Amino acid sequence: MSDIEANKQVARRYMQAVVDGDIATIEALQHPDCSWWILGFGDMTRHDFIGMVRDGLLSASKRVIEIIGLTAEGDRVAVEARGEMNFPGTVYRNEYHNLLIIRDGLIVSGKEYMDTRAAAAAFPPAADGAA
């Protein structure tokens, strides 16, 4: 298997781990110094990213992610995906583009782009005035 095919497989495993809510695999696929950037959230450490994913994923009763495009060149894998997650009181649907940098079988950095309007519509700010 070529490095490019191996990197694509890592990307597929990562996306499936998100669907499965498999935090152990998400952690195992990331280099210890992995960094993330998410549109609307900015830069975050691996620890903060995993915590956010853990808190969000485990509260969803249904997680579906369909990969609609997967392109790789060198250590870069671009994943286009469509997702639907059911959270208490809301169904969240969005389109994503993830750019993963993969070296030696581990994700060393990730960028996630999404429709921020869809996210804001599904998860509006609290109306209780809490800051």
C-alpha atoms as a PDB file:
ATOM      1  CA  MET A   1       0.000   0.000   0.000  1.00  0.00           C
ATOM      2  CA  SER A   2       1.361   3.429  -0.922  1.00  0.00           C
ATOM      3  CA  ASP A   3       1.815   6.181   1.664  1.00  0.00           C
ATOM      4  CA  ILE A   4      -1.037   8.090   0.028  1.00  0.00           C
ATOM      5  CA  GLU A   5      -3.394   5.111   0.304  1.00  0.00           C
ATOM      6  CA  ALA A   6      -2.287   4.526   3.912  1.00  0.00           C
ATOM      7  CA  ASN A   7      -3.012   8.198   4.714  1.00  0.00           C
ATOM      8  CA  LYS A   8      -6.456   7.922   3.136  1.00  0.00           C
ATOM      9  CA  GLN A   9      -7.115   4.875   5.308  1.00  0.00           C
ATOM     10  CA  VAL A  10      -6.156   6.850   8.435  1.00  0.00           C
ATOM     11  CA  ALA A  11      -8.602   9.595   7.377  1.00  0.00           C
ATOM     12  CA  ARG A  12     -11.375   7.034   6.849  1.00  0.00           C
ATOM     13  CA  ARG A  13     -10.662   5.432  10.242  1.00  0.00           C
ATOM     14  CA  TYR A  14     -10.768   8.865  11.899  1.00  0.00           C
ATOM     15  CA  MET A  15     -14.120   9.743  10.326  1.00  0.00           C
ATOM     16  CA  GLN A  16     -15.561   6.349  11.287  1.00  0.00           C
ATOM     17  CA  ALA A  17     -14.323   6.824  14.865  1.00  0.00           C
ATOM     18  CA  VAL A  18     -16.245  10.114  14.979  1.00  0.00           C
ATOM     19  CA  VAL A  19     -19.386   8.302  13.788  1.00  0.00           C
ATOM     20  CA  ASP A  20     -18.854   5.526  16.340  1.00  0.00           C
ATOM     21  CA  GLY A  21     -18.082   7.953  19.174  1.00  0.00           C
ATOM     22  CA  ASP A  22     -14.830   6.001  19.580  1.00  0.00           C
ATOM     23  CA  ILE A  23     -12.699   8.457  21.547  1.00  0.00           C
ATOM     24  CA  ALA A  24      -9.921   5.879  22.073  1.00  0.00           C
ATOM     25  CA  THR A  25      -9.407   5.535  18.311  1.00  0.00           C
ATOM     26  CA  ILE A  26      -9.607   9.299  17.798  1.00  0.00           C
ATOM     27  CA  GLU A  27      -6.848   9.683  20.396  1.00  0.00           C
ATOM     28  CA  ALA A  28      -4.790   6.800  18.959  1.00  0.00           C
ATOM     29  CA  LEU A  29      -4.845   8.286  15.450  1.00  0.00           C
ATOM     30  CA  GLN A  30      -3.392  11.603  16.622  1.00  0.00           C
ATOM     31  CA  HIS A  31       0.262  12.401  17.203  1.00  0.00           C
ATOM     32  CA  PRO A  32       0.829  13.577  20.815  1.00  0.00           C
ATOM     33  CA  ASP A  33       1.693  17.068  19.500  1.00  0.00           C
ATOM     34  CA  CYS A  34      -1.251  17.206  17.100  1.00  0.00           C
ATOM     35  CA  SER A  35      -2.837  20.630  16.684  1.00  0.00           C
ATOM     36  CA  TRP A  36      -6.258  21.574  15.361  1.00  0.00           C
ATOM     37  CA  TRP A  37      -7.936  24.591  13.885  1.00  0.00           C
ATOM     38  CA  ILE A  38     -11.706  24.737  13.510  1.00  0.00           C
ATOM     39  CA  LEU A  39     -13.592  27.503  11.733  1.00  0.00           C
ATOM     40  CA  GLY A  40     -15.348  29.579  14.381  1.00  0.00           C
ATOM     41  CA  PHE A  41     -13.225  28.146  17.211  1.00  0.00           C
ATOM     42  CA  GLY A  42      -9.654  28.827  16.071  1.00  0.00           C
ATOM     43  CA  ASP A  43      -6.503  27.045  17.188  1.00  0.00           C
ATOM     44  CA  MET A  44      -6.658  24.349  19.821  1.00  0.00           C
ATOM     45  CA  THR A  45      -4.425  21.757  21.360  1.00  0.00           C
ATOM     46  CA  ARG A  46      -4.941  18.023  20.907  1.00  0.00           C
ATOM     47  CA  HIS A  47      -6.167  17.830  24.508  1.00  0.00           C
ATOM     48  CA  ASP A  48      -8.744  20.601  24.036  1.00  0.00           C
ATOM     49  CA  PHE A  49      -9.873  19.178  20.695  1.00  0.00           C
ATOM     50  CA  ILE A  50     -10.381  15.691  22.116  1.00  0.00           C
ATOM     51  CA  GLY A  51     -12.290  17.138  25.080  1.00  0.00           C
ATOM     52  CA  MET A  52     -14.586  19.091  22.769  1.00  0.00           C
ATOM     53  CA  VAL A  53     -15.184  16.043  20.580  1.00  0.00           C
ATOM     54  CA  ARG A  54     -15.794  13.840  23.635  1.00  0.00           C
ATOM     55  CA  ASP A  55     -18.309  16.275  25.144  1.00  0.00           C
ATOM     56  CA  GLY A  56     -20.112  16.782  21.835  1.00  0.00           C
ATOM     57  CA  LEU A  57     -20.089  13.259  20.452  1.00  0.00           C
ATOM     58  CA  LEU A  58     -21.179  11.439  23.537  1.00  0.00           C
ATOM     59  CA  SER A  59     -24.270  13.645  23.901  1.00  0.00           C
ATOM     60  CA  ALA A  60     -25.451  12.783  20.363  1.00  0.00           C
ATOM     61  CA  SER A  61     -27.856   9.861  20.137  1.00  0.00           C
ATOM     62  CA  LYS A  62     -27.223   9.466  16.393  1.00  0.00           C
ATOM     63  CA  ARG A  63     -24.119  10.268  14.387  1.00  0.00           C
ATOM     64  CA  VAL A  64     -23.970   9.876  10.617  1.00  0.00           C
ATOM     65  CA  ILE A  65     -21.114  11.111   8.466  1.00  0.00           C
ATOM     66  CA  GLU A  66     -21.007  10.409   4.758  1.00  0.00           C
ATOM     67  CA  ILE A  67     -17.685  10.944   3.017  1.00  0.00           C
ATOM     68  CA  ILE A  68     -18.541  12.518  -0.323  1.00  0.00           C
ATOM     69  CA  GLY A  69     -14.975  13.170  -1.452  1.00  0.00           C
ATOM     70  CA  LEU A  70     -11.508  12.069  -0.417  1.00  0.00           C
ATOM     71  CA  THR A  71      -8.389  13.477  -2.052  1.00  0.00           C
ATOM     72  CA  ALA A  72      -4.783  12.897  -1.025  1.00  0.00           C
ATOM     73  CA  GLU A  73      -1.427  14.194  -2.101  1.00  0.00           C
ATOM     74  CA  GLY A  74       1.742  13.621  -0.119  1.00  0.00           C
ATOM     75  CA  ASP A  75       0.933  13.882   3.587  1.00  0.00           C
ATOM     76  CA  ARG A  76      -2.281  15.901   3.029  1.00  0.00           C
ATOM     77  CA  VAL A  77      -5.725  14.310   2.939  1.00  0.00           C
ATOM     78  CA  ALA A  78      -8.821  16.383   2.171  1.00  0.00           C
ATOM     79  CA  VAL A  79     -12.113  14.909   3.339  1.00  0.00           C
ATOM     80  CA  GLU A  80     -15.411  16.350   2.143  1.00  0.00           C
ATOM     81  CA  ALA A  81     -18.260  15.090   4.290  1.00  0.00           C
ATOM     82  CA  ARG A  82     -21.928  15.545   5.049  1.00  0.00           C
ATOM     83  CA  GLY A  83     -23.051  14.947   8.612  1.00  0.00           C
ATOM     84  CA  GLU A  84     -26.151  14.590  10.717  1.00  0.00           C
ATOM     85  CA  MET A  85     -26.130  14.301  14.488  1.00  0.00           C
ATOM     86  CA  ASN A  86     -29.098  14.124  16.817  1.00  0.00           C
ATOM     87  CA  PHE A  87     -28.652  15.981  20.069  1.00  0.00           C
ATOM     88  CA  PRO A  88     -31.283  16.403  22.782  1.00  0.00           C
ATOM     89  CA  GLY A  89     -33.816  18.793  21.294  1.00  0.00           C
ATOM     90  CA  THR A  90     -32.111  19.348  17.947  1.00  0.00           C
ATOM     91  CA  VAL A  91     -30.924  17.695  14.762  1.00  0.00           C
ATOM     92  CA  TYR A  92     -27.644  19.134  13.496  1.00  0.00           C
ATOM     93  CA  ARG A  93     -26.851  18.828   9.796  1.00  0.00           C
ATOM     94  CA  ASN A  94     -23.785  20.313   8.189  1.00  0.00           C
ATOM     95  CA  GLU A  95     -21.264  19.997   5.365  1.00  0.00           C
ATOM     96  CA  TYR A  96     -17.581  19.716   6.258  1.00  0.00           C
ATOM     97  CA  HIS A  97     -14.155  19.943   4.732  1.00  0.00           C
ATOM     98  CA  ASN A  98     -11.382  18.463   6.841  1.00  0.00           C
ATOM     99  CA  LEU A  99      -7.748  18.867   5.870  1.00  0.00           C
ATOM    100  CA  LEU A 100      -5.607  16.330   7.700  1.00  0.00           C
ATOM    101  CA  ILE A 101      -1.817  16.235   7.682  1.00  0.00           C
ATOM    102  CA  ILE A 102      -0.756  12.639   8.295  1.00  0.00           C
ATOM    103  CA  ARG A 103       2.783  11.429   8.916  1.00  0.00           C
ATOM    104  CA  ASP A 104       3.873   7.938   9.878  1.00  0.00           C
ATOM    105  CA  GLY A 105       0.247   6.867  10.264  1.00  0.00           C
ATOM    106  CA  LEU A 106      -0.737   9.645  12.684  1.00  0.00           C
ATOM    107  CA  ILE A 107      -2.624  12.898  12.250  1.00  0.00           C
ATOM    108  CA  VAL A 108      -0.195  15.713  13.093  1.00  0.00           C
ATOM    109  CA  SER A 109      -2.610  18.553  12.354  1.00  0.00           C
ATOM    110  CA  GLY A 110      -6.173  19.046  11.302  1.00  0.00           C
ATOM    111  CA  LYS A 111      -8.301  21.879   9.976  1.00  0.00           C
ATOM    112  CA  GLU A 112     -12.075  21.711   9.893  1.00  0.00           C
ATOM    113  CA  TYR A 113     -14.256  23.977   7.816  1.00  0.00           C
ATOM    114  CA  MET A 114     -18.049  23.955   8.056  1.00  0.00           C
ATOM    115  CA  ASP A 115     -21.111  26.110   7.508  1.00  0.00           C
ATOM    116  CA  THR A 116     -21.045  28.233  10.646  1.00  0.00           C
ATOM    117  CA  ARG A 117     -24.645  29.379  10.001  1.00  0.00           C
ATOM    118  CA  ALA A 118     -25.856  25.773  10.282  1.00  0.00           C
ATOM    119  CA  ALA A 119     -23.945  25.352  13.544  1.00  0.00           C
ATOM    120  CA  ALA A 120     -25.322  28.627  14.980  1.00  0.00           C
ATOM    121  CA  ALA A 121     -28.883  27.667  13.982  1.00  0.00           C
ATOM    122  CA  ALA A 122     -28.576  24.270  15.702  1.00  0.00           C
ATOM    123  CA  PHE A 123     -26.780  25.590  18.792  1.00  0.00           C
ATOM    124  CA  PRO A 124     -27.929  29.173  19.469  1.00  0.00           C
ATOM    125  CA  PRO A 125     -26.391  31.060  22.407  1.00  0.00           C
ATOM    126  CA  ALA A 126     -28.078  30.530  25.760  1.00  0.00           C
ATOM    127  CA  ALA A 127     -30.953  32.962  26.282  1.00  0.00           C
ATOM    128  CA  ASP A 128     -30.580  33.013  30.068  1.00  0.00           C
ATOM    129  CA  GLY A 129     -28.147  35.927  29.982  1.00  0.00           C
ATOM    130  CA  ALA A 130     -25.271  33.792  31.274  1.00  0.00           C
ATOM    131  CA  ALA A 131     -21.900  35.070  30.136  1.00  0.00           C
END
